[in-house]
């Protein structure tokens, strides 16, 4: 999984890095630490913005008690029934199915 530093994400989105920090706090994006540095998966960014449906999917999973690591694992896990991973489905404009599956996992 390719990752981007917060300044790189800010540059791709055309925003100040403080706004990227706010997006992390608000749950619109997820980051993990690698070698002490916060990084965001590059697949979360498309066409100069955040992938459509990502923030809502994160919210559903977080409200269901999933940790950041669990959400990241789920988003990037291959699923033959989608096909591909949930993040690939979101990037491919199949967000409704991804969100439905996330909601089903909540129960």
PDB file of N, CA and C in Angstrom:
ATOM      1  N   UNK A   1       0.855  -1.177   0.000  1.00  0.00           N
ATOM      2  CA  UNK A   1       0.000   0.000   0.000  1.00  0.00           C
ATOM      3  C   UNK A   1       0.897   1.234   0.000  1.00  0.00           C
ATOM      4  N   UNK A   2       0.710   2.049  -1.016  1.00  0.00           N
ATOM      5  CA  UNK A   2       1.449   3.310  -1.092  1.00  0.00           C
ATOM      6  C   UNK A   2       0.856   4.288  -0.086  1.00  0.00           C
ATOM      7  N   UNK A   3       1.722   4.994   0.616  1.00  0.00           N
ATOM      8  CA  UNK A   3       1.260   5.971   1.603  1.00  0.00           C
ATOM      9  C   UNK A   3       1.860   7.338   1.302  1.00  0.00           C
ATOM     10  N   UNK A   4       1.185   8.358   1.819  1.00  0.00           N
ATOM     11  CA  UNK A   4       1.621   9.743   1.636  1.00  0.00           C
ATOM     12  C   UNK A   4       1.771  10.412   2.990  1.00  0.00           C
ATOM     13  N   UNK A   5       2.744  11.295   3.093  1.00  0.00           N
ATOM     14  CA  UNK A   5       2.880  12.096   4.305  1.00  0.00           C
ATOM     15  C   UNK A   5       1.759  13.129   4.338  1.00  0.00           C
ATOM     16  N   UNK A   6       1.500  13.685   5.494  1.00  0.00           N
ATOM     17  CA  UNK A   6       0.437  14.689   5.599  1.00  0.00           C
ATOM     18  C   UNK A   6       0.700  15.903   4.703  1.00  0.00           C
ATOM     19  N   UNK A   7       1.951  16.407   4.623  1.00  0.00           N
ATOM     20  CA  UNK A   7       2.196  17.519   3.686  1.00  0.00           C
ATOM     21  C   UNK A   7       1.914  17.134   2.226  1.00  0.00           C
ATOM     22  N   UNK A   8       2.225  15.884   1.850  1.00  0.00           N
ATOM     23  CA  UNK A   8       1.940  15.442   0.478  1.00  0.00           C
ATOM     24  C   UNK A   8       0.430  15.388   0.221  1.00  0.00           C
ATOM     25  N   UNK A   9      -0.333  14.899   1.208  1.00  0.00           N
ATOM     26  CA  UNK A   9      -1.791  14.865   1.080  1.00  0.00           C
ATOM     27  C   UNK A   9      -2.327  16.287   0.931  1.00  0.00           C
ATOM     28  N   UNK A  10      -1.821  17.197   1.764  1.00  0.00           N
ATOM     29  CA  UNK A  10      -2.258  18.590   1.700  1.00  0.00           C
ATOM     30  C   UNK A  10      -1.996  19.175   0.317  1.00  0.00           C
ATOM     31  N   UNK A  11      -0.836  18.871  -0.244  1.00  0.00           N
ATOM     32  CA  UNK A  11      -0.493  19.380  -1.578  1.00  0.00           C
ATOM     33  C   UNK A  11      -1.440  18.813  -2.640  1.00  0.00           C
ATOM     34  N   UNK A  12      -1.711  17.513  -2.575  1.00  0.00           N
ATOM     35  CA  UNK A  12      -2.608  16.887  -3.570  1.00  0.00           C
ATOM     36  C   UNK A  12      -4.029  17.420  -3.471  1.00  0.00           C
ATOM     37  N   UNK A  13      -4.440  17.766  -2.238  1.00  0.00           N
ATOM     38  CA  UNK A  13      -5.793  18.295  -2.048  1.00  0.00           C
ATOM     39  C   UNK A  13      -5.866  19.810  -2.223  1.00  0.00           C
ATOM     40  N   UNK A  14      -4.704  20.462  -2.304  1.00  0.00           N
ATOM     41  CA  UNK A  14      -4.678  21.917  -2.419  1.00  0.00           C
ATOM     42  C   UNK A  14      -5.124  22.615  -1.144  1.00  0.00           C
ATOM     43  N   UNK A  15      -4.770  22.017  -0.005  1.00  0.00           N
ATOM     44  CA  UNK A  15      -5.194  22.529   1.301  1.00  0.00           C
ATOM     45  C   UNK A  15      -3.982  22.733   2.195  1.00  0.00           C
ATOM     46  N   UNK A  16      -4.114  23.569   3.220  1.00  0.00           N
ATOM     47  CA  UNK A  16      -3.034  23.654   4.206  1.00  0.00           C
ATOM     48  C   UNK A  16      -2.973  22.360   5.026  1.00  0.00           C
ATOM     49  N   UNK A  17      -1.792  22.012   5.512  1.00  0.00           N
ATOM     50  CA  UNK A  17      -1.627  20.781   6.272  1.00  0.00           C
ATOM     51  C   UNK A  17      -2.483  20.790   7.542  1.00  0.00           C
ATOM     52  N   UNK A  18      -2.771  21.963   8.071  1.00  0.00           N
ATOM     53  CA  UNK A  18      -3.635  22.033   9.258  1.00  0.00           C
ATOM     54  C   UNK A  18      -5.041  21.526   8.945  1.00  0.00           C
ATOM     55  N   UNK A  19      -5.494  21.717   7.724  1.00  0.00           N
ATOM     56  CA  UNK A  19      -6.815  21.211   7.315  1.00  0.00           C
ATOM     57  C   UNK A  19      -6.808  19.679   7.227  1.00  0.00           C
ATOM     58  N   UNK A  20      -5.689  19.111   6.800  1.00  0.00           N
ATOM     59  CA  UNK A  20      -5.559  17.650   6.756  1.00  0.00           C
ATOM     60  C   UNK A  20      -5.625  17.097   8.180  1.00  0.00           C
ATOM     61  N   UNK A  21      -4.961  17.763   9.122  1.00  0.00           N
ATOM     62  CA  UNK A  21      -5.045  17.361  10.533  1.00  0.00           C
ATOM     63  C   UNK A  21      -6.500  17.404  11.009  1.00  0.00           C
ATOM     64  N   UNK A  22      -7.224  18.436  10.606  1.00  0.00           N
ATOM     65  CA  UNK A  22      -8.635  18.557  10.993  1.00  0.00           C
ATOM     66  C   UNK A  22      -9.465  17.419  10.391  1.00  0.00           C
ATOM     67  N   UNK A  23      -9.167  17.059   9.147  1.00  0.00           N
ATOM     68  CA  UNK A  23      -9.887  15.959   8.503  1.00  0.00           C
ATOM     69  C   UNK A  23      -9.636  14.639   9.242  1.00  0.00           C
ATOM     70  N   UNK A  24      -8.440  14.462   9.763  1.00  0.00           N
ATOM     71  CA  UNK A  24      -8.137  13.276  10.567  1.00  0.00           C
ATOM     72  C   UNK A  24      -8.930  13.302  11.872  1.00  0.00           C
ATOM     73  N   UNK A  25      -8.944  14.458  12.528  1.00  0.00           N
ATOM     74  CA  UNK A  25      -9.700  14.583  13.789  1.00  0.00           C
ATOM     75  C   UNK A  25     -11.187  14.360  13.560  1.00  0.00           C
ATOM     76  N   UNK A  26     -11.708  14.842  12.431  1.00  0.00           N
ATOM     77  CA  UNK A  26     -13.137  14.718  12.121  1.00  0.00           C
ATOM     78  C   UNK A  26     -13.514  13.327  11.607  1.00  0.00           C
ATOM     79  N   UNK A  27     -12.515  12.485  11.357  1.00  0.00           N
ATOM     80  CA  UNK A  27     -12.788  11.133  10.881  1.00  0.00           C
ATOM     81  C   UNK A  27     -13.041  11.028   9.390  1.00  0.00           C
ATOM     82  N   UNK A  28     -12.680  12.046   8.624  1.00  0.00           N
ATOM     83  CA  UNK A  28     -12.848  11.990   7.175  1.00  0.00           C
ATOM     84  C   UNK A  28     -11.722  11.223   6.505  1.00  0.00           C
ATOM     85  N   UNK A  29     -10.606  11.122   7.214  1.00  0.00           N
ATOM     86  CA  UNK A  29      -9.438  10.382   6.745  1.00  0.00           C
ATOM     87  C   UNK A  29      -8.900   9.544   7.896  1.00  0.00           C
ATOM     88  N   UNK A  30      -8.099   8.546   7.571  1.00  0.00           N
ATOM     89  CA  UNK A  30      -7.407   7.735   8.569  1.00  0.00           C
ATOM     90  C   UNK A  30      -5.917   7.787   8.283  1.00  0.00           C
ATOM     91  N   UNK A  31      -5.132   7.732   9.340  1.00  0.00           N
ATOM     92  CA  UNK A  31      -3.680   7.697   9.193  1.00  0.00           C
ATOM     93  C   UNK A  31      -3.122   6.653  10.136  1.00  0.00           C
ATOM     94  N   UNK A  32      -1.935   6.182   9.809  1.00  0.00           N
ATOM     95  CA  UNK A  32      -1.215   5.286  10.706  1.00  0.00           C
ATOM     96  C   UNK A  32       0.216   5.791  10.829  1.00  0.00           C
ATOM     97  N   UNK A  33       0.873   5.348  11.887  1.00  0.00           N
ATOM     98  CA  UNK A  33       2.269   5.751  12.093  1.00  0.00           C
ATOM     99  C   UNK A  33       3.196   4.717  11.482  1.00  0.00           C
ATOM    100  N   UNK A  34       4.138   5.206  10.708  1.00  0.00           N
ATOM    101  CA  UNK A  34       5.211   4.378  10.161  1.00  0.00           C
ATOM    102  C   UNK A  34       6.518   5.087  10.469  1.00  0.00           C
ATOM    103  N   UNK A  35       7.352   4.399  11.208  1.00  0.00           N
ATOM    104  CA  UNK A  35       8.634   4.984  11.630  1.00  0.00           C
ATOM    105  C   UNK A  35       8.420   6.326  12.325  1.00  0.00           C
ATOM    106  N   UNK A  36       7.351   6.413  13.111  1.00  0.00           N
ATOM    107  CA  UNK A  36       7.072   7.620  13.883  1.00  0.00           C
ATOM    108  C   UNK A  36       6.405   8.747  13.120  1.00  0.00           C
ATOM    109  N   UNK A  37       6.115   8.531  11.837  1.00  0.00           N
ATOM    110  CA  UNK A  37       5.524   9.571  10.990  1.00  0.00           C
ATOM    111  C   UNK A  37       4.105   9.166  10.608  1.00  0.00           C
ATOM    112  N   UNK A  38       3.163  10.099  10.730  1.00  0.00           N
ATOM    113  CA  UNK A  38       1.794   9.824  10.293  1.00  0.00           C
ATOM    114  C   UNK A  38       1.740   9.793   8.770  1.00  0.00           C
ATOM    115  N   UNK A  39       1.119   8.739   8.236  1.00  0.00           N
ATOM    116  CA  UNK A  39       0.958   8.611   6.787  1.00  0.00           C
ATOM    117  C   UNK A  39      -0.479   8.208   6.485  1.00  0.00           C
ATOM    118  N   UNK A  40      -0.921   8.571   5.307  1.00  0.00           N
ATOM    119  CA  UNK A  40      -2.277   8.291   4.836  1.00  0.00           C
ATOM    120  C   UNK A  40      -2.168   7.474   3.556  1.00  0.00           C
ATOM    121  N   UNK A  41      -2.982   6.421   3.415  1.00  0.00           N
ATOM    122  CA  UNK A  41      -2.944   5.638   2.175  1.00  0.00           C
ATOM    123  C   UNK A  41      -3.235   6.513   0.950  1.00  0.00           C
ATOM    124  N   UNK A  42      -2.405   6.378  -0.072  1.00  0.00           N
ATOM    125  CA  UNK A  42      -2.574   7.169  -1.294  1.00  0.00           C
ATOM    126  C   UNK A  42      -3.911   6.872  -1.964  1.00  0.00           C
ATOM    127  N   UNK A  43      -4.444   5.664  -1.780  1.00  0.00           N
ATOM    128  CA  UNK A  43      -5.719   5.301  -2.405  1.00  0.00           C
ATOM    129  C   UNK A  43      -6.897   6.088  -1.847  1.00  0.00           C
ATOM    130  N   UNK A  44      -6.700   6.808  -0.764  1.00  0.00           N
ATOM    131  CA  UNK A  44      -7.775   7.630  -0.194  1.00  0.00           C
ATOM    132  C   UNK A  44      -7.984   8.920  -0.978  1.00  0.00           C
ATOM    133  N   UNK A  45      -7.029   9.265  -1.858  1.00  0.00           N
ATOM    134  CA  UNK A  45      -7.084  10.521  -2.607  1.00  0.00           C
ATOM    135  C   UNK A  45      -7.308  10.198  -4.078  1.00  0.00           C
ATOM    136  N   UNK A  46      -8.282  10.873  -4.691  1.00  0.00           N
ATOM    137  CA  UNK A  46      -8.559  10.692  -6.121  1.00  0.00           C
ATOM    138  C   UNK A  46      -9.071  11.999  -6.707  1.00  0.00           C
ATOM    139  N   UNK A  47      -8.591  12.339  -7.872  1.00  0.00           N
ATOM    140  CA  UNK A  47      -9.063  13.526  -8.590  1.00  0.00           C
ATOM    141  C   UNK A  47      -9.025  14.783  -7.726  1.00  0.00           C
ATOM    142  N   UNK A  48      -7.964  14.955  -6.950  1.00  0.00           N
ATOM    143  CA  UNK A  48      -7.799  16.160  -6.147  1.00  0.00           C
ATOM    144  C   UNK A  48      -8.708  16.252  -4.947  1.00  0.00           C
ATOM    145  N   UNK A  49      -9.310  15.137  -4.540  1.00  0.00           N
ATOM    146  CA  UNK A  49     -10.188  15.131  -3.376  1.00  0.00           C
ATOM    147  C   UNK A  49     -10.143  13.791  -2.679  1.00  0.00           C
ATOM    148  N   UNK A  50     -10.895  13.687  -1.605  1.00  0.00           N
ATOM    149  CA  UNK A  50     -11.009  12.428  -0.893  1.00  0.00           C
ATOM    150  C   UNK A  50     -11.986  11.544  -1.657  1.00  0.00           C
ATOM    151  N   UNK A  51     -11.695  10.265  -1.721  1.00  0.00           N
ATOM    152  CA  UNK A  51     -12.552   9.315  -2.428  1.00  0.00           C
ATOM    153  C   UNK A  51     -13.979   9.425  -1.889  1.00  0.00           C
ATOM    154  N   UNK A  52     -14.925   9.551  -2.811  1.00  0.00           N
ATOM    155  CA  UNK A  52     -16.335   9.683  -2.457  1.00  0.00           C
ATOM    156  C   UNK A  52     -16.791   8.465  -1.648  1.00  0.00           C
ATOM    157  N   UNK A  53     -17.462   8.715  -0.545  1.00  0.00           N
ATOM    158  CA  UNK A  53     -17.989   7.653   0.302  1.00  0.00           C
ATOM    159  C   UNK A  53     -17.039   7.175   1.386  1.00  0.00           C
ATOM    160  N   UNK A  54     -15.770   7.590   1.323  1.00  0.00           N
ATOM    161  CA  UNK A  54     -14.797   7.122   2.309  1.00  0.00           C
ATOM    162  C   UNK A  54     -15.142   7.615   3.711  1.00  0.00           C
ATOM    163  N   UNK A  55     -15.422   8.897   3.852  1.00  0.00           N
ATOM    164  CA  UNK A  55     -15.709   9.457   5.178  1.00  0.00           C
ATOM    165  C   UNK A  55     -16.922   8.782   5.820  1.00  0.00           C
ATOM    166  N   UNK A  56     -17.967   8.558   5.047  1.00  0.00           N
ATOM    167  CA  UNK A  56     -19.157   7.906   5.580  1.00  0.00           C
ATOM    168  C   UNK A  56     -18.891   6.473   5.994  1.00  0.00           C
ATOM    169  N   UNK A  57     -18.081   5.774   5.206  1.00  0.00           N
ATOM    170  CA  UNK A  57     -17.728   4.393   5.534  1.00  0.00           C
ATOM    171  C   UNK A  57     -16.907   4.350   6.817  1.00  0.00           C
ATOM    172  N   UNK A  58     -15.957   5.269   6.952  1.00  0.00           N
ATOM    173  CA  UNK A  58     -15.149   5.348   8.171  1.00  0.00           C
ATOM    174  C   UNK A  58     -16.052   5.590   9.372  1.00  0.00           C
ATOM    175  N   UNK A  59     -17.004   6.500   9.242  1.00  0.00           N
ATOM    176  CA  UNK A  59     -17.911   6.826  10.345  1.00  0.00           C
ATOM    177  C   UNK A  59     -18.732   5.609  10.760  1.00  0.00           C
ATOM    178  N   UNK A  60     -19.285   4.888   9.791  1.00  0.00           N
ATOM    179  CA  UNK A  60     -20.086   3.700  10.099  1.00  0.00           C
ATOM    180  C   UNK A  60     -19.244   2.679  10.866  1.00  0.00           C
ATOM    181  N   UNK A  61     -18.039   2.421  10.390  1.00  0.00           N
ATOM    182  CA  UNK A  61     -17.191   1.424  11.037  1.00  0.00           C
ATOM    183  C   UNK A  61     -16.721   1.891  12.417  1.00  0.00           C
ATOM    184  N   UNK A  62     -16.362   3.161  12.532  1.00  0.00           N
ATOM    185  CA  UNK A  62     -15.912   3.684  13.829  1.00  0.00           C
ATOM    186  C   UNK A  62     -17.061   3.649  14.837  1.00  0.00           C
ATOM    187  N   UNK A  63     -18.261   4.016  14.404  1.00  0.00           N
ATOM    188  CA  UNK A  63     -19.428   3.971  15.290  1.00  0.00           C
ATOM    189  C   UNK A  63     -19.752   2.546  15.719  1.00  0.00           C
ATOM    190  N   UNK A  64     -19.297   1.570  14.941  1.00  0.00           N
ATOM    191  CA  UNK A  64     -19.524   0.161  15.266  1.00  0.00           C
ATOM    192  C   UNK A  64     -18.440  -0.393  16.183  1.00  0.00           C
ATOM    193  N   UNK A  65     -17.487   0.451  16.558  1.00  0.00           N
ATOM    194  CA  UNK A  65     -16.449   0.038  17.492  1.00  0.00           C
ATOM    195  C   UNK A  65     -15.156  -0.431  16.857  1.00  0.00           C
ATOM    196  N   UNK A  66     -15.013  -0.266  15.554  1.00  0.00           N
ATOM    197  CA  UNK A  66     -13.780  -0.673  14.891  1.00  0.00           C
ATOM    198  C   UNK A  66     -12.669   0.331  15.186  1.00  0.00           C
ATOM    199  N   UNK A  67     -11.467  -0.180  15.404  1.00  0.00           N
ATOM    200  CA  UNK A  67     -10.298   0.685  15.608  1.00  0.00           C
ATOM    201  C   UNK A  67      -9.787   1.148  14.243  1.00  0.00           C
ATOM    202  N   UNK A  68      -8.894   2.115  14.258  1.00  0.00           N
ATOM    203  CA  UNK A  68      -8.301   2.602  13.017  1.00  0.00           C
ATOM    204  C   UNK A  68      -7.619   1.463  12.268  1.00  0.00           C
ATOM    205  N   UNK A  69      -6.847   0.634  12.982  1.00  0.00           N
ATOM    206  CA  UNK A  69      -6.161  -0.490  12.333  1.00  0.00           C
ATOM    207  C   UNK A  69      -7.156  -1.471  11.718  1.00  0.00           C
ATOM    208  N   UNK A  70      -8.245  -1.750  12.415  1.00  0.00           N
ATOM    209  CA  UNK A  70      -9.252  -2.670  11.890  1.00  0.00           C
ATOM    210  C   UNK A  70      -9.937  -2.100  10.654  1.00  0.00           C
ATOM    211  N   UNK A  71     -10.217  -0.807  10.671  1.00  0.00           N
ATOM    212  CA  UNK A  71     -10.848  -0.165   9.514  1.00  0.00           C
ATOM    213  C   UNK A  71      -9.905  -0.226   8.306  1.00  0.00           C
ATOM    214  N   UNK A  72      -8.634   0.097   8.528  1.00  0.00           N
ATOM    215  CA  UNK A  72      -7.667   0.050   7.432  1.00  0.00           C
ATOM    216  C   UNK A  72      -7.537  -1.366   6.871  1.00  0.00           C
ATOM    217  N   UNK A  73      -7.475  -2.354   7.750  1.00  0.00           N
ATOM    218  CA  UNK A  73      -7.385  -3.748   7.281  1.00  0.00           C
ATOM    219  C   UNK A  73      -8.609  -4.107   6.439  1.00  0.00           C
ATOM    220  N   UNK A  74      -9.796  -3.724   6.915  1.00  0.00           N
ATOM    221  CA  UNK A  74     -11.025  -4.057   6.189  1.00  0.00           C
ATOM    222  C   UNK A  74     -11.072  -3.354   4.831  1.00  0.00           C
ATOM    223  N   UNK A  75     -10.703  -2.080   4.801  1.00  0.00           N
ATOM    224  CA  UNK A  75     -10.753  -1.325   3.551  1.00  0.00           C
ATOM    225  C   UNK A  75      -9.834  -1.910   2.479  1.00  0.00           C
ATOM    226  N   UNK A  76      -8.715  -2.504   2.902  1.00  0.00           N
ATOM    227  CA  UNK A  76      -7.729  -2.994   1.928  1.00  0.00           C
ATOM    228  C   UNK A  76      -7.741  -4.510   1.757  1.00  0.00           C
ATOM    229  N   UNK A  77      -8.634  -5.201   2.458  1.00  0.00           N
ATOM    230  CA  UNK A  77      -8.724  -6.662   2.332  1.00  0.00           C
ATOM    231  C   UNK A  77      -9.422  -7.025   1.026  1.00  0.00           C
ATOM    232  N   UNK A  78      -8.859  -7.983   0.314  1.00  0.00           N
ATOM    233  CA  UNK A  78      -9.470  -8.459  -0.921  1.00  0.00           C
ATOM    234  C   UNK A  78     -10.793  -9.157  -0.607  1.00  0.00           C
ATOM    235  N   UNK A  79     -11.799  -8.884  -1.421  1.00  0.00           N
ATOM    236  CA  UNK A  79     -13.115  -9.495  -1.263  1.00  0.00           C
ATOM    237  C   UNK A  79     -13.593  -9.910  -2.646  1.00  0.00           C
ATOM    238  N   UNK A  80     -13.590 -11.216  -2.897  1.00  0.00           N
ATOM    239  CA  UNK A  80     -13.956 -11.727  -4.222  1.00  0.00           C
ATOM    240  C   UNK A  80     -15.392 -11.383  -4.610  1.00  0.00           C
ATOM    241  N   UNK A  81     -16.245 -11.102  -3.630  1.00  0.00           N
ATOM    242  CA  UNK A  81     -17.639 -10.802  -3.949  1.00  0.00           C
ATOM    243  C   UNK A  81     -17.831  -9.358  -4.404  1.00  0.00           C
ATOM    244  N   UNK A  82     -16.820  -8.485  -4.215  1.00  0.00           N
ATOM    245  CA  UNK A  82     -16.999  -7.089  -4.653  1.00  0.00           C
ATOM    246  C   UNK A  82     -16.791  -6.919  -6.167  1.00  0.00           C
ATOM    247  N   UNK A  83     -15.878  -7.357  -6.870  1.00  0.00           N
ATOM    248  CA  UNK A  83     -14.582  -7.950  -6.551  1.00  0.00           C
ATOM    249  C   UNK A  83     -13.566  -6.867  -6.216  1.00  0.00           C
ATOM    250  N   UNK A  84     -12.465  -7.290  -5.615  1.00  0.00           N
ATOM    251  CA  UNK A  84     -11.428  -6.365  -5.176  1.00  0.00           C
ATOM    252  C   UNK A  84     -11.605  -6.037  -3.711  1.00  0.00           C
ATOM    253  N   UNK A  85     -11.004  -4.959  -3.290  1.00  0.00           N
ATOM    254  CA  UNK A  85     -11.100  -4.523  -1.898  1.00  0.00           C
ATOM    255  C   UNK A  85     -12.161  -3.428  -1.777  1.00  0.00           C
ATOM    256  N   UNK A  86     -12.641  -3.180  -0.565  1.00  0.00           N
ATOM    257  CA  UNK A  86     -13.616  -2.088  -0.390  1.00  0.00           C
ATOM    258  C   UNK A  86     -13.101  -0.732  -0.884  1.00  0.00           C
ATOM    259  N   UNK A  87     -11.818  -0.437  -0.682  1.00  0.00           N
ATOM    260  CA  UNK A  87     -11.317   0.866  -1.151  1.00  0.00           C
ATOM    261  C   UNK A  87     -11.326   0.916  -2.675  1.00  0.00           C
ATOM    262  N   UNK A  88     -11.053  -0.205  -3.335  1.00  0.00           N
ATOM    263  CA  UNK A  88     -11.135  -0.230  -4.799  1.00  0.00           C
ATOM    264  C   UNK A  88     -12.577  -0.030  -5.253  1.00  0.00           C
ATOM    265  N   UNK A  89     -13.515  -0.600  -4.517  1.00  0.00           N
ATOM    266  CA  UNK A  89     -14.926  -0.422  -4.846  1.00  0.00           C
ATOM    267  C   UNK A  89     -15.344   1.034  -4.671  1.00  0.00           C
ATOM    268  N   UNK A  90     -14.882   1.674  -3.597  1.00  0.00           N
ATOM    269  CA  UNK A  90     -15.194   3.094  -3.401  1.00  0.00           C
ATOM    270  C   UNK A  90     -14.622   3.930  -4.535  1.00  0.00           C
ATOM    271  N   UNK A  91     -13.393   3.637  -4.923  1.00  0.00           N
ATOM    272  CA  UNK A  91     -12.752   4.378  -6.009  1.00  0.00           C
ATOM    273  C   UNK A  91     -13.457   4.110  -7.336  1.00  0.00           C
ATOM    274  N   UNK A  92     -14.107   2.953  -7.454  1.00  0.00           N
ATOM    275  CA  UNK A  92     -14.808   2.588  -8.678  1.00  0.00           C
ATOM    276  C   UNK A  92     -16.273   2.968  -8.654  1.00  0.00           C
ATOM    277  N   UNK A  93     -16.664   3.850  -7.780  1.00  0.00           N
ATOM    278  CA  UNK A  93     -18.034   4.350  -7.684  1.00  0.00           C
ATOM    279  C   UNK A  93     -19.036   3.247  -7.318  1.00  0.00           C
ATOM    280  N   UNK A  94     -18.612   2.340  -6.436  1.00  0.00           N
ATOM    281  CA  UNK A  94     -19.511   1.318  -5.911  1.00  0.00           C
ATOM    282  C   UNK A  94     -19.662   1.509  -4.404  1.00  0.00           C
ATOM    283  N   UNK A  95     -19.721   2.762  -3.992  1.00  0.00           N
ATOM    284  CA  UNK A  95     -19.774   3.115  -2.587  1.00  0.00           C
ATOM    285  C   UNK A  95     -21.004   2.621  -1.857  1.00  0.00           C
ATOM    286  N   UNK A  96     -22.122   2.569  -2.531  1.00  0.00           N
ATOM    287  CA  UNK A  96     -23.363   2.128  -1.879  1.00  0.00           C
ATOM    288  C   UNK A  96     -23.206   0.697  -1.353  1.00  0.00           C
ATOM    289  N   UNK A  97     -22.597  -0.177  -2.150  1.00  0.00           N
ATOM    290  CA  UNK A  97     -22.395  -1.572  -1.736  1.00  0.00           C
ATOM    291  C   UNK A  97     -21.401  -1.658  -0.565  1.00  0.00           C
ATOM    292  N   UNK A  98     -20.348  -0.856  -0.621  1.00  0.00           N
ATOM    293  CA  UNK A  98     -19.359  -0.845   0.466  1.00  0.00           C
ATOM    294  C   UNK A  98     -20.013  -0.381   1.761  1.00  0.00           C
ATOM    295  N   UNK A  99     -20.783   0.680   1.688  1.00  0.00           N
ATOM    296  CA  UNK A  99     -21.437   1.197   2.895  1.00  0.00           C
ATOM    297  C   UNK A  99     -22.456   0.187   3.436  1.00  0.00           C
ATOM    298  N   UNK A 100     -23.170  -0.504   2.552  1.00  0.00           N
ATOM    299  CA  UNK A 100     -24.123  -1.513   2.987  1.00  0.00           C
ATOM    300  C   UNK A 100     -23.409  -2.626   3.749  1.00  0.00           C
ATOM    301  N   UNK A 101     -22.265  -3.045   3.247  1.00  0.00           N
ATOM    302  CA  UNK A 101     -21.495  -4.093   3.909  1.00  0.00           C
ATOM    303  C   UNK A 101     -20.954  -3.603   5.258  1.00  0.00           C
ATOM    304  N   UNK A 102     -20.505  -2.352   5.299  1.00  0.00           N
ATOM    305  CA  UNK A 102     -20.016  -1.800   6.566  1.00  0.00           C
ATOM    306  C   UNK A 102     -21.146  -1.755   7.597  1.00  0.00           C
ATOM    307  N   UNK A 103     -22.338  -1.357   7.163  1.00  0.00           N
ATOM    308  CA  UNK A 103     -23.485  -1.312   8.078  1.00  0.00           C
ATOM    309  C   UNK A 103     -23.848  -2.708   8.548  1.00  0.00           C
ATOM    310  N   UNK A 104     -23.770  -3.697   7.687  1.00  0.00           N
ATOM    311  CA  UNK A 104     -24.096  -5.071   8.064  1.00  0.00           C
ATOM    312  C   UNK A 104     -23.103  -5.603   9.091  1.00  0.00           C
ATOM    313  N   UNK A 105     -21.856  -5.163   9.028  1.00  0.00           N
ATOM    314  CA  UNK A 105     -20.853  -5.602   9.991  1.00  0.00           C
ATOM    315  C   UNK A 105     -21.132  -5.022  11.385  1.00  0.00           C
ATOM    316  N   UNK A 106     -21.909  -3.961  11.438  1.00  0.00           N
ATOM    317  CA  UNK A 106     -22.186  -3.296  12.709  1.00  0.00           C
ATOM    318  C   UNK A 106     -23.117  -4.126  13.592  1.00  0.00           C
ATOM    319  N   UNK A 107     -23.829  -5.095  13.008  1.00  0.00           N
ATOM    320  CA  UNK A 107     -24.812  -5.862  13.775  1.00  0.00           C
ATOM    321  C   UNK A 107     -24.381  -7.280  14.004  1.00  0.00           C
TER     322      UNK A 107
END
